[in-house]
Amino acid sequence: MTRRLGRLGRAALAVAGAAALGSFAAPARASNVTEFPDNGSEQMARGGAWVARASDPLATFFNPAGLAGQGSSLTLQSSLIFHRTCFTRLRAASDASVDDLADPTTGEYPRVCRDIEPNLNPQIAGALRVHDRVTLGVAVLAPSSAANATWPEFVDSAGGPTASPNRYLINRVRGVILSPTIGVGVQVIDQLRLGASFSWGIAQLRLSSTSTAINTDGQSPANDVRSNLQAKDLFVPGLNLGGLYSPTEFLDVGAWYKWSDSIRARGDVGTAANYYTRQNAAGDDSRVKYGDSIFEDCGTGNASDIAAKPCGSGGNGRLTIAVPMEAKLGARYHRPRPRALGPVGQGADELLVKKPATRDPLADDLFDVELDLTWANNSAIEKVDVQFPANANGDGTLPVSGIPGVIPPSVASPRFYRDVFGARLGGDYAILQDRLAVRGGAFYETAAGKSQYQNINFAASWRLGLSLGAALRVRFGEVGALDVMAGFSHVFFGTQENRGPDGVTAIAGTPCNPTASSPGSTCPDGREKYRTNWPVNLGTITNSINVFNLGATYRF
């Protein structure tokens, strides 16, 4: 019977990879749920409080108005991110699968954690001053997040290796996400700078997740099937607008707004039936049945599919996800260094803020402190929507290799995030003028996630970050300089917990349990098609992040 269930019912195995697209980290930089503040050594080490300072070429993205007043420079920086996430799954009371991994008394599965693997996140940017009041900028950044993640696929049990309890949410994420950006900053008047930049988002992802065998009671984890989805979107346009206003000699007020188009990715899914067996856990995958919707016959090798070409030329999966708008507003108090107005006794002790040809806080200021307020429209992300071909009855049409099943036509991974508000406080102190500065900062952001829809791909609870760093400048003549920067940040997260009964259900292989399928997207009893009757995200999720950044900026 168990074998028959596996052969009849792995229809949802392909879509599990599509559901994993919920881990996509869209290019964004404020209180967006997919990231933490912020890219850049100076930015991160100040707790993200930088919108009113905006003093290096990364202002091209973070506040293009800050380009105005900068000299020509190049910067190369990189973050090394260590993101720790752990999940203690709780078996749902309605879970009717045959699974002896959960504790019979508490209902808890063994705690599993993603590998603590270093994620390298480079930032490259340049600024070119083309006029006393105009500076151009270019930057290439990745999201401020740990894009790559690996979770265990098997865990030890009394009976030997068995499927890991995190598998229905995510197994693995790999990919490249970049935001090439070009911008311009203009000093309209002495006190006002304005800027704008255009971003071209690029994403190429490989994601792995798992589906149940069929939508029925009594199934075994051995019948679950892993799937890998590859998707890409080579053009996600975005616009950044910024402003810097200096009402007094000691105060700068900065503002930033970001808009991005939705992500509309295309891709295909590879399937692996008979994957969660002890034989495969031991390294023998000879019985695993592979398929891929990139092939015309979906990789089945069946004569009828070869003739019908149900998967066509590929690109069968379509993902749509909104990218939240974001905004920052910040005020920066900076104390300029004293300068003599004339001979001793004629104003030498007075303070005069010079108006240099370029803005250079390390050379011009004793210290500064900045407070930023942030907002991200995360409520725009109600779900991660993935679509595959369907017939008029709302049932899937793409066959799966090795089994008489189909890929479900629609998978929506629910999120229903809240808008996120944050506060950032940070500053610099120049120990040696034009030579050495230390910096520090902190930030706090409200929770985006709701417990019912919690997931292990995004850390959606409240977050608190503490940061510190330093900058050392080496001069080359009167103009040239090399700034070497380092920073560190630790991010604390609130614990996410869902004790049930409601939660996110798993993708299932057949439409309805226990009733027969009906036209449309729901079963006769009102349940969504191709979903289990029980949630799989119940339990406790914890997160923590450590970030190191090292960079250098050459000014000329």
Protein backbone atom coordinates (compact mmCIF):
# COMPACT_ATOMS: atom_id res chain seq x y z
CA MET A 1 0.00 0.00 0.00
CA THR A 2 2.79 2.40 0.90
CA ARG A 3 4.49 1.71 -2.39
CA ARG A 4 1.24 2.33 -4.25
CA LEU A 5 0.79 5.65 -2.48
CA GLY A 6 4.21 6.73 -3.60
CA ARG A 7 3.57 5.71 -7.21
CA LEU A 8 0.20 7.38 -7.41
CA GLY A 9 0.77 10.46 -5.53
CA ARG A 10 3.83 12.55 -5.97
CA ALA A 11 2.09 15.14 -8.06
CA ALA A 12 3.16 17.99 -5.82
CA LEU A 13 6.78 17.09 -5.64
CA ALA A 14 7.73 19.54 -8.36
CA VAL A 15 5.95 22.46 -6.80
CA ALA A 16 7.73 22.16 -3.49
CA GLY A 17 10.70 23.77 -5.13
CA ALA A 18 8.45 26.54 -6.36
CA ALA A 19 7.18 27.10 -2.85
CA ALA A 20 10.77 27.47 -1.75
CA LEU A 21 10.87 30.64 -3.81
CA GLY A 22 9.50 32.30 -0.71
CA SER A 23 13.12 32.52 0.33
CA PHE A 24 13.90 34.87 -2.54
CA ALA A 25 15.70 37.90 -1.21
CA ALA A 26 14.57 40.83 -3.28
CA PRO A 27 16.91 43.78 -3.73
CA ALA A 28 16.00 46.18 -0.92
CA ARG A 29 17.75 48.07 1.81
CA ALA A 30 15.64 49.40 4.69
CA SER A 31 13.30 47.53 7.03
CA ASN A 32 12.47 44.97 4.36
CA VAL A 33 11.77 41.57 5.90
CA THR A 34 14.24 39.87 3.56
CA GLU A 35 17.25 41.82 4.85
CA PHE A 36 18.95 43.49 7.78
CA PRO A 37 20.69 46.90 7.82
CA ASP A 38 22.86 47.43 5.89
CA ASN A 39 25.35 46.90 3.06
CA GLY A 40 28.68 48.70 3.38
CA SER A 41 31.24 48.85 6.17
CA GLU A 42 30.47 52.41 7.24
CA GLN A 43 26.73 51.90 6.89
CA MET A 44 26.58 48.64 8.82
CA ALA A 45 28.96 49.76 11.58
CA ARG A 46 26.71 52.77 12.25
CA GLY A 47 23.68 50.53 12.72
CA GLY A 48 22.40 51.58 9.31
CA ALA A 49 22.10 55.25 10.37
CA TRP A 50 23.53 56.74 7.21
CA VAL A 51 20.88 58.36 5.03
CA ALA A 52 21.84 61.89 6.17
CA ARG A 53 25.60 61.19 6.01
CA ALA A 54 25.76 59.44 2.60
CA SER A 55 29.46 60.11 2.20
CA ASP A 56 30.81 57.32 -0.02
CA PRO A 57 29.88 55.97 -3.49
CA LEU A 58 27.34 53.50 -2.04
CA ALA A 59 25.12 56.57 -1.74
CA THR A 60 24.27 55.75 -5.36
CA PHE A 61 21.74 53.31 -3.87
CA PHE A 62 21.25 54.36 -0.25
CA ASN A 63 20.74 58.08 -0.92
CA PRO A 64 21.80 59.38 -4.36
CA ALA A 65 21.56 62.98 -3.13
CA GLY A 66 24.70 62.24 -1.11
CA LEU A 67 26.68 61.89 -4.32
CA ALA A 68 26.56 65.68 -4.68
CA GLY A 69 29.54 67.12 -2.87
CA GLN A 70 31.54 63.90 -3.02
CA GLY A 71 34.87 63.79 -4.79
CA SER A 72 35.75 61.10 -7.28
CA SER A 73 36.35 57.73 -5.64
CA LEU A 74 36.14 53.96 -5.95
CA THR A 75 35.14 51.53 -3.22
CA LEU A 76 35.34 47.77 -2.86
CA GLN A 77 33.82 46.24 0.25
CA SER A 78 32.49 42.88 1.30
CA SER A 79 30.42 41.47 4.11
CA LEU A 80 30.88 37.97 5.48
CA ILE A 81 27.51 36.88 6.87
CA PHE A 82 26.83 34.00 9.25
CA HIS A 83 23.10 33.39 9.68
CA ARG A 84 21.94 30.80 12.20
CA THR A 85 18.33 29.56 12.03
CA CYS A 86 16.92 26.65 14.05
CA PHE A 87 13.49 25.02 13.84
CA THR A 88 11.77 22.78 16.37
CA ARG A 89 8.73 21.52 14.52
CA LEU A 90 5.55 20.63 16.39
CA ARG A 91 3.35 17.87 15.01
CA ALA A 92 -0.14 19.14 14.28
CA ALA A 93 -3.03 17.45 16.08
CA SER A 94 -4.66 16.83 12.68
CA ASP A 95 -1.52 15.30 11.15
CA ALA A 96 -2.59 11.87 9.87
CA SER A 97 0.72 10.84 8.30
CA VAL A 98 2.69 7.84 9.54
CA ASP A 99 5.72 9.46 11.14
CA ASP A 100 7.46 8.17 14.28
CA LEU A 101 10.06 10.96 14.39
CA ALA A 102 7.98 13.26 16.60
CA ASP A 103 8.04 12.74 20.37
CA PRO A 104 4.78 10.95 21.25
CA THR A 105 4.42 12.95 24.47
CA THR A 106 5.31 16.50 23.41
CA GLY A 107 4.68 16.22 19.69
CA GLU A 108 8.03 17.91 19.01
CA TYR A 109 10.41 16.79 16.30
CA PRO A 110 14.20 16.92 16.77
CA ARG A 111 15.57 20.47 16.55
CA VAL A 112 17.27 21.13 13.22
CA CYS A 113 19.43 24.08 12.17
CA ARG A 114 20.72 25.42 8.90
CA ASP A 115 24.44 25.06 8.35
CA ILE A 116 26.44 28.06 9.55
CA GLU A 117 28.11 28.68 6.24
CA PRO A 118 29.84 31.96 5.37
CA ASN A 119 27.97 34.05 2.81
CA LEU A 120 30.23 36.45 0.93
CA ASN A 121 28.41 39.65 -0.02
CA PRO A 122 30.52 42.13 -2.05
CA GLN A 123 29.77 45.81 -2.72
CA ILE A 124 31.42 47.70 -5.58
CA ALA A 125 30.77 51.36 -6.31
CA GLY A 126 32.30 54.45 -7.82
CA ALA A 127 31.65 58.20 -7.90
CA LEU A 128 32.82 60.62 -10.59
CA ARG A 129 32.60 64.35 -9.97
CA VAL A 130 31.83 65.93 -13.32
CA HIS A 131 31.03 69.44 -12.03
CA ASP A 132 31.34 71.39 -8.79
CA ARG A 133 27.68 70.62 -8.15
CA VAL A 134 27.16 67.33 -10.01
CA THR A 135 28.48 63.83 -9.25
CA LEU A 136 27.64 60.59 -11.04
CA GLY A 137 27.56 57.25 -9.27
CA VAL A 138 27.47 53.57 -10.11
CA ALA A 139 27.10 50.65 -7.72
CA VAL A 140 26.65 46.89 -7.81
CA LEU A 141 25.23 45.38 -4.63
CA ALA A 142 23.71 42.14 -3.44
CA PRO A 143 20.94 42.03 -0.83
CA SER A 144 22.02 42.52 2.78
CA SER A 145 21.18 38.94 3.68
CA ALA A 146 22.58 35.42 3.73
CA ALA A 147 21.25 34.28 0.38
CA ASN A 148 22.69 30.75 0.52
CA ALA A 149 21.37 28.27 3.04
CA THR A 150 21.59 24.50 3.51
CA TRP A 151 19.30 22.49 5.78
CA PRO A 152 19.63 18.79 6.64
CA GLU A 153 17.72 16.44 4.38
CA PHE A 154 17.93 13.47 6.77
CA VAL A 155 18.12 13.16 10.55
CA ASP A 156 18.90 10.16 12.71
CA SER A 157 16.06 8.21 14.28
CA ALA A 158 15.68 4.92 16.11
CA GLY A 159 14.97 3.16 12.83
CA GLY A 160 17.81 4.84 10.92
CA PRO A 161 18.01 8.01 8.77
CA THR A 162 14.67 9.60 8.02
CA ALA A 163 13.39 12.73 6.30
CA SER A 164 14.20 15.97 8.14
CA PRO A 165 11.25 17.83 9.75
CA ASN A 166 12.11 21.10 7.94
CA ARG A 167 11.76 19.57 4.48
CA TYR A 168 8.26 20.90 3.68
CA LEU A 169 9.44 24.48 4.23
CA ILE A 170 12.88 24.46 2.64
CA ASN A 171 15.93 22.27 2.07
CA ARG A 172 18.41 24.47 0.27
CA VAL A 173 18.86 27.88 -1.34
CA ARG A 174 21.56 28.83 -3.81
CA GLY A 175 21.69 31.77 -6.13
CA VAL A 176 23.05 35.08 -7.31
CA ILE A 177 21.13 38.31 -6.72
CA LEU A 178 22.56 41.65 -7.82
CA SER A 179 21.36 45.25 -8.13
CA PRO A 180 23.41 47.23 -10.67
CA THR A 181 22.54 50.89 -10.04
CA ILE A 182 23.42 54.16 -11.75
CA GLY A 183 22.63 57.57 -10.28
CA VAL A 184 23.32 61.27 -10.11
CA GLY A 185 23.46 63.79 -7.27
CA VAL A 186 23.05 67.53 -7.82
CA GLN A 187 23.73 70.36 -5.38
CA VAL A 188 20.80 72.61 -6.28
CA ILE A 189 21.76 75.32 -3.80
CA ASP A 190 24.37 75.36 -1.03
CA GLN A 191 21.91 73.90 1.49
CA LEU A 192 20.05 71.43 -0.75
CA ARG A 193 21.14 68.33 -2.63
CA LEU A 194 18.85 66.07 -4.67
CA GLY A 195 19.54 62.75 -6.33
CA ALA A 196 18.02 59.85 -8.22
CA SER A 197 19.21 56.44 -9.34
CA PHE A 198 17.92 53.55 -11.39
CA SER A 199 18.43 49.92 -10.42
CA TRP A 200 18.36 46.88 -12.66
CA GLY A 201 17.66 43.87 -10.45
CA ILE A 202 19.01 40.49 -11.56
CA ALA A 203 18.21 37.20 -9.83
CA GLN A 204 19.12 33.61 -10.60
CA LEU A 205 18.09 31.06 -7.97
CA ARG A 206 18.22 27.36 -7.25
CA LEU A 207 15.82 26.27 -4.54
CA SER A 208 14.98 22.92 -2.99
CA SER A 209 11.99 21.80 -0.96
CA THR A 210 9.77 18.75 -0.44
CA SER A 211 6.18 17.69 -0.98
CA THR A 212 4.06 14.92 0.50
CA ALA A 213 3.35 11.90 -1.65
CA ILE A 214 -0.41 12.21 -1.97
CA ASN A 215 -3.23 14.06 -0.29
CA THR A 216 -4.44 11.27 1.98
CA ASP A 217 -4.04 9.87 5.46
CA GLY A 218 -1.57 7.17 6.40
CA GLN A 219 1.28 8.19 4.11
CA SER A 220 4.92 7.69 5.06
CA PRO A 221 7.80 10.20 4.87
CA ALA A 222 9.55 7.63 2.71
CA ASN A 223 7.06 8.58 -0.01
CA ASP A 224 7.90 12.28 0.15
CA VAL A 225 9.72 13.65 -2.85
CA ARG A 226 12.35 16.37 -3.16
CA SER A 227 12.22 18.96 -5.90
CA ASN A 228 14.63 21.59 -7.16
CA LEU A 229 13.42 24.72 -8.85
CA GLN A 230 15.61 26.98 -10.94
CA ALA A 231 14.19 30.41 -11.75
CA LYS A 232 15.50 33.72 -12.96
CA ASP A 233 14.39 37.26 -13.62
CA LEU A 234 16.93 39.33 -15.50
CA PHE A 235 15.12 42.65 -15.27
CA VAL A 236 13.52 43.96 -12.08
CA PRO A 237 13.51 47.76 -12.51
CA GLY A 238 13.74 50.00 -9.47
CA LEU A 239 13.96 53.71 -8.71
CA ASN A 240 15.66 55.44 -5.77
CA LEU A 241 15.05 59.07 -4.87
CA GLY A 242 17.01 61.01 -2.26
CA GLY A 243 17.40 64.41 -0.69
CA LEU A 244 19.85 66.13 1.69
CA TYR A 245 19.03 69.44 3.32
CA SER A 246 21.41 71.35 5.62
CA PRO A 247 19.34 74.01 7.43
CA THR A 248 22.27 74.92 9.73
CA GLU A 249 26.00 74.44 9.78
CA PHE A 250 25.63 71.54 12.20
CA LEU A 251 22.55 69.69 10.93
CA ASP A 252 21.85 67.54 7.87
CA VAL A 253 18.44 66.07 7.13
CA GLY A 254 18.28 63.17 4.69
CA ALA A 255 15.41 61.33 3.03
CA TRP A 256 15.26 58.29 0.75
CA TYR A 257 12.49 56.48 -1.10
CA LYS A 258 12.68 53.25 -3.09
CA TRP A 259 10.24 51.75 -5.53
CA SER A 260 10.70 48.45 -7.34
CA ASP A 261 8.64 46.50 -9.80
CA SER A 262 7.38 43.07 -8.78
CA ILE A 263 9.56 40.04 -9.37
CA ARG A 264 8.31 37.97 -12.27
CA ALA A 265 10.56 34.96 -12.57
CA ARG A 266 10.40 32.06 -14.99
CA GLY A 267 11.87 28.65 -14.40
CA ASP A 268 11.56 24.88 -14.33
CA VAL A 269 11.57 22.23 -11.68
CA GLY A 270 13.54 19.01 -11.36
CA THR A 271 11.99 16.12 -9.46
CA ALA A 272 13.46 13.28 -7.42
CA ALA A 273 11.04 10.47 -6.55
CA ASN A 274 11.97 7.77 -4.03
CA TYR A 275 14.38 10.27 -2.52
CA TYR A 276 13.81 9.93 1.25
CA THR A 277 14.87 6.32 1.63
CA ARG A 278 17.58 4.91 3.85
CA GLN A 279 19.25 3.56 0.72
CA ASN A 280 19.56 7.07 -0.67
CA ALA A 281 20.64 8.42 2.73
CA ALA A 282 23.50 5.90 2.60
CA GLY A 283 24.60 7.33 -0.76
CA ASP A 284 22.96 4.88 -3.17
CA ASP A 285 20.53 6.82 -5.38
CA SER A 286 20.07 4.07 -7.97
CA ARG A 287 16.35 3.88 -7.21
CA VAL A 288 15.73 7.63 -7.30
CA LYS A 289 13.60 8.64 -10.30
CA TYR A 290 14.58 11.98 -11.79
CA GLY A 291 12.61 14.28 -14.08
CA ASP A 292 12.68 17.92 -15.17
CA SER A 293 10.06 20.20 -16.71
CA ILE A 294 12.75 21.86 -18.81
CA PHE A 295 12.54 18.94 -21.25
CA GLU A 296 9.74 18.73 -23.81
CA ASP A 297 8.52 15.43 -22.35
CA CYS A 298 9.08 16.66 -18.77
CA GLY A 299 11.86 14.11 -18.47
CA THR A 300 9.50 11.14 -18.24
CA GLY A 301 10.83 9.31 -21.31
CA ASN A 302 7.33 7.98 -22.02
CA ALA A 303 6.46 7.59 -25.68
CA SER A 304 3.18 9.46 -25.28
CA ASP A 305 4.89 12.38 -23.59
CA ILE A 306 7.65 12.47 -26.20
CA ALA A 307 4.96 12.85 -28.84
CA ALA A 308 2.76 15.29 -26.92
CA LYS A 309 5.61 17.47 -25.60
CA PRO A 310 3.62 18.68 -22.56
CA CYS A 311 6.49 20.75 -21.12
CA GLY A 312 7.31 22.41 -24.43
CA SER A 313 10.52 24.42 -24.51
CA GLY A 314 10.66 24.95 -20.74
CA GLY A 315 9.89 27.97 -18.64
CA ASN A 316 6.80 26.28 -17.22
CA GLY A 317 6.91 27.83 -13.76
CA ARG A 318 5.96 31.47 -13.21
CA LEU A 319 6.59 33.27 -9.96
CA THR A 320 5.22 36.65 -8.93
CA ILE A 321 6.07 38.46 -5.73
CA ALA A 322 5.68 42.10 -4.78
CA VAL A 323 8.75 44.07 -3.72
CA PRO A 324 7.85 46.50 -0.90
CA MET A 325 8.29 50.23 -1.19
CA GLU A 326 10.68 51.62 1.41
CA ALA A 327 11.52 55.00 2.90
CA LYS A 328 13.98 56.53 5.37
CA LEU A 329 14.11 59.89 7.09
CA GLY A 330 17.17 60.87 9.09
CA ALA A 331 18.73 63.78 10.98
CA ARG A 332 22.48 64.05 11.50
CA TYR A 333 24.19 66.39 13.96
CA HIS A 334 27.87 66.89 13.19
CA ARG A 335 30.43 69.02 14.98
CA PRO A 336 32.88 70.65 12.53
CA ARG A 337 36.48 71.06 13.55
CA PRO A 338 37.58 74.53 14.78
CA ARG A 339 39.39 76.70 12.25
CA ALA A 340 41.25 79.94 12.91
CA LEU A 341 39.63 83.01 11.36
CA GLY A 342 42.75 85.18 11.54
CA PRO A 343 45.82 85.92 13.65
CA VAL A 344 45.90 84.82 17.27
CA GLY A 345 43.66 87.03 19.36
CA GLN A 346 41.42 87.86 16.42
CA GLY A 347 38.94 85.03 16.45
CA ALA A 348 41.31 82.08 16.59
CA ASP A 349 39.09 80.28 19.08
CA GLU A 350 35.92 80.84 17.14
CA LEU A 351 34.26 78.06 15.20
CA LEU A 352 33.83 78.41 11.47
CA VAL A 353 32.35 75.72 9.30
CA LYS A 354 34.36 75.74 6.13
CA LYS A 355 32.62 75.06 2.87
CA PRO A 356 34.96 72.58 1.25
CA ALA A 357 34.88 71.56 -2.36
CA THR A 358 33.91 68.09 -1.17
CA ARG A 359 32.08 66.71 1.83
CA ASP A 360 34.56 64.68 3.86
CA PRO A 361 33.42 63.91 7.45
CA LEU A 362 36.70 62.23 8.44
CA ALA A 363 38.62 65.41 7.61
CA ASP A 364 36.03 68.05 8.49
CA ASP A 365 34.15 66.80 11.57
CA LEU A 366 35.07 66.06 15.16
CA PHE A 367 32.13 63.70 15.47
CA ASP A 368 28.62 63.11 14.24
CA VAL A 369 25.51 61.31 15.46
CA GLU A 370 22.53 60.35 13.34
CA LEU A 371 19.01 59.11 13.99
CA ASP A 372 17.01 57.51 11.17
CA LEU A 373 13.41 56.34 11.02
CA THR A 374 12.54 53.66 8.45
CA TRP A 375 9.44 52.14 6.90
CA ALA A 376 8.91 49.20 4.58
CA ASN A 377 5.60 48.33 2.96
CA ASN A 378 5.97 44.62 3.70
CA SER A 379 2.19 44.22 3.79
CA ALA A 380 2.40 44.27 -0.01
CA ILE A 381 3.75 40.70 0.25
CA GLU A 382 0.62 38.66 0.85
CA LYS A 383 1.97 35.56 -0.80
CA VAL A 384 4.63 34.11 -3.04
CA ASP A 385 2.62 33.09 -6.10
CA VAL A 386 3.79 30.27 -8.37
CA GLN A 387 1.81 29.02 -11.36
CA PHE A 388 2.15 25.97 -13.60
CA PRO A 389 -0.05 24.97 -16.58
CA ALA A 390 -3.58 23.76 -15.80
CA ASN A 391 -6.62 22.49 -17.65
CA ALA A 392 -10.14 23.92 -17.59
CA ASN A 393 -10.96 22.04 -14.36
CA GLY A 394 -8.03 23.62 -12.52
CA ASP A 395 -5.95 20.44 -12.48
CA GLY A 396 -2.33 20.14 -13.50
CA THR A 397 -1.30 18.97 -16.96
CA LEU A 398 2.46 18.37 -16.63
CA PRO A 399 3.43 14.73 -15.94
CA VAL A 400 6.07 13.73 -13.41
CA SER A 401 8.82 11.26 -14.28
CA GLY A 402 8.31 7.76 -12.92
CA ILE A 403 4.78 8.21 -11.57
CA PRO A 404 1.31 8.76 -13.04
CA GLY A 405 1.00 12.17 -11.41
CA VAL A 406 1.03 15.80 -12.47
CA ILE A 407 2.56 19.04 -11.29
CA PRO A 408 -0.13 21.07 -9.47
CA PRO A 409 -1.11 24.24 -11.32
CA SER A 410 -1.01 26.77 -8.51
CA VAL A 411 1.04 27.11 -5.37
CA ALA A 412 0.70 30.22 -3.25
CA SER A 413 3.02 30.34 -0.27
CA PRO A 414 1.13 32.66 2.13
CA ARG A 415 2.98 35.43 3.97
CA PHE A 416 0.59 38.28 4.88
CA TYR A 417 3.39 40.37 6.33
CA ARG A 418 2.87 43.57 8.26
CA ASP A 419 4.51 46.89 7.44
CA VAL A 420 7.77 47.26 9.36
CA PHE A 421 8.93 50.39 11.17
CA GLY A 422 12.46 50.88 12.45
CA ALA A 423 14.81 53.26 14.22
CA ARG A 424 18.57 53.51 13.74
CA LEU A 425 21.08 55.41 15.82
CA GLY A 426 24.76 55.67 15.01
CA GLY A 427 27.76 57.92 14.65
CA ASP A 428 31.48 58.47 14.11
CA TYR A 429 34.20 60.00 16.27
CA ALA A 430 37.40 61.14 14.56
CA ILE A 431 40.24 60.32 16.96
CA LEU A 432 42.82 61.73 14.55
CA GLN A 433 41.76 64.30 12.00
CA ASP A 434 41.89 62.94 8.47
CA ARG A 435 43.49 59.75 9.82
CA LEU A 436 41.47 57.59 12.19
CA ALA A 437 37.82 57.29 13.22
CA VAL A 438 35.78 54.86 15.27
CA ARG A 439 32.06 54.32 14.86
CA GLY A 440 29.15 52.43 16.34
CA GLY A 441 25.41 52.12 16.19
CA ALA A 442 22.24 50.17 16.87
CA PHE A 443 18.89 49.56 15.24
CA TYR A 444 15.50 48.14 16.09
CA GLU A 445 12.76 46.97 13.71
CA THR A 446 9.26 45.73 14.39
CA ALA A 447 8.11 42.25 13.41
CA ALA A 448 6.83 41.64 9.90
CA GLY A 449 5.59 38.09 10.36
CA LYS A 450 2.44 36.62 11.81
CA SER A 451 2.77 33.38 13.72
CA GLN A 452 0.23 31.54 11.56
CA TYR A 453 2.39 32.04 8.47
CA GLN A 454 5.84 31.70 10.02
CA ASN A 455 8.58 30.19 7.91
CA ILE A 456 12.27 29.42 8.18
CA ASN A 457 13.36 31.24 5.04
CA PHE A 458 12.95 34.84 6.30
CA ALA A 459 13.63 36.03 9.85
CA ALA A 460 10.34 37.91 10.21
CA SER A 461 10.31 38.60 13.97
CA TRP A 462 11.44 41.82 15.64
CA ARG A 463 15.15 42.45 15.39
CA LEU A 464 17.77 44.37 17.33
CA GLY A 465 21.25 45.04 16.00
CA LEU A 466 24.46 46.28 17.66
CA SER A 467 27.42 47.39 15.54
CA LEU A 468 30.90 48.89 15.73
CA GLY A 469 33.74 49.67 13.36
CA ALA A 470 36.67 51.88 12.42
CA ALA A 471 38.28 53.65 9.46
CA LEU A 472 41.96 54.36 8.80
CA ARG A 473 43.06 56.82 6.12
CA VAL A 474 46.41 56.81 4.32
CA ARG A 475 47.19 59.98 2.34
CA PHE A 476 48.93 60.09 -1.04
CA GLY A 477 49.90 63.69 -1.61
CA GLU A 478 47.36 66.48 -1.19
CA VAL A 479 44.53 64.81 -3.09
CA GLY A 480 44.79 61.03 -3.08
CA ALA A 481 43.74 58.94 -0.07
CA LEU A 482 42.97 55.33 0.76
CA ASP A 483 40.39 54.62 3.46
CA VAL A 484 40.52 51.14 4.97
CA MET A 485 37.37 50.22 6.89
CA ALA A 486 36.20 47.37 9.08
CA GLY A 487 32.92 46.70 10.82
CA PHE A 488 31.04 44.09 12.84
CA SER A 489 27.36 43.66 13.65
CA HIS A 490 25.35 41.17 15.69
CA VAL A 491 21.62 40.93 15.12
CA PHE A 492 19.24 39.54 17.75
CA PHE A 493 15.81 38.25 16.70
CA GLY A 494 12.65 37.54 18.62
CA THR A 495 11.56 33.92 18.83
CA GLN A 496 8.84 32.93 16.37
CA GLU A 497 6.32 30.41 17.63
CA ASN A 498 3.13 28.83 16.34
CA ARG A 499 1.44 26.24 18.58
CA GLY A 500 -1.48 25.78 16.19
CA PRO A 501 -4.00 24.77 15.23
CA ASP A 502 -3.77 26.93 12.08
CA GLY A 503 -0.67 27.21 9.94
CA VAL A 504 0.82 26.70 6.50
CA THR A 505 -0.05 23.38 4.92
CA ALA A 506 2.30 21.29 2.78
CA ILE A 507 2.06 20.75 -0.95
CA ALA A 508 0.34 17.43 -1.69
CA GLY A 509 0.33 15.14 -4.69
CA THR A 510 -3.36 14.71 -5.39
CA PRO A 511 -6.05 17.41 -5.30
CA CYS A 512 -8.32 16.54 -2.37
CA ASN A 513 -8.41 14.63 0.90
CA PRO A 514 -10.59 12.67 1.37
CA THR A 515 -13.09 13.75 -1.30
CA ALA A 516 -12.75 13.57 -5.05
CA SER A 517 -11.53 16.52 -7.07
CA SER A 518 -13.91 19.11 -8.47
CA PRO A 519 -13.59 21.97 -10.98
CA GLY A 520 -11.84 25.09 -9.75
CA SER A 521 -9.11 25.68 -7.21
CA THR A 522 -10.88 24.16 -4.19
CA CYS A 523 -12.16 20.75 -3.18
CA PRO A 524 -15.86 20.02 -2.53
CA ASP A 525 -15.29 20.58 1.20
CA GLY A 526 -13.82 24.05 0.53
CA ARG A 527 -10.18 23.15 1.14
CA GLU A 528 -7.52 24.30 -1.28
CA LYS A 529 -6.49 21.72 -3.85
CA TYR A 530 -3.11 20.00 -3.63
CA ARG A 531 -2.67 20.82 0.07
CA THR A 532 -2.48 18.58 3.11
CA ASN A 533 -5.21 18.81 5.74
CA TRP A 534 -2.61 19.65 8.39
CA PRO A 535 -0.06 22.48 8.82
CA VAL A 536 3.68 21.82 8.72
CA ASN A 537 5.06 25.11 10.11
CA LEU A 538 3.98 24.67 13.73
CA GLY A 539 6.73 24.95 16.32
CA THR A 540 9.51 27.33 17.30
CA ILE A 541 11.96 29.24 15.09
CA THR A 542 15.04 31.10 16.33
CA ASN A 543 17.52 33.26 14.41
CA SER A 544 20.79 35.13 14.95
CA ILE A 545 23.22 36.85 12.58
CA ASN A 546 26.86 37.87 12.77
CA VAL A 547 28.30 40.09 10.05
CA PHE A 548 31.89 41.12 9.38
CA ASN A 549 32.75 43.74 6.78
CA LEU A 550 36.09 44.79 5.37
CA GLY A 551 36.50 47.41 2.66
CA ALA A 552 38.61 50.10 1.08
CA THR A 553 37.79 53.37 -0.69
CA TYR A 554 40.29 55.15 -2.90
CA ARG A 555 39.65 58.89 -3.21
CA PHE A 556 41.23 60.89 -6.02
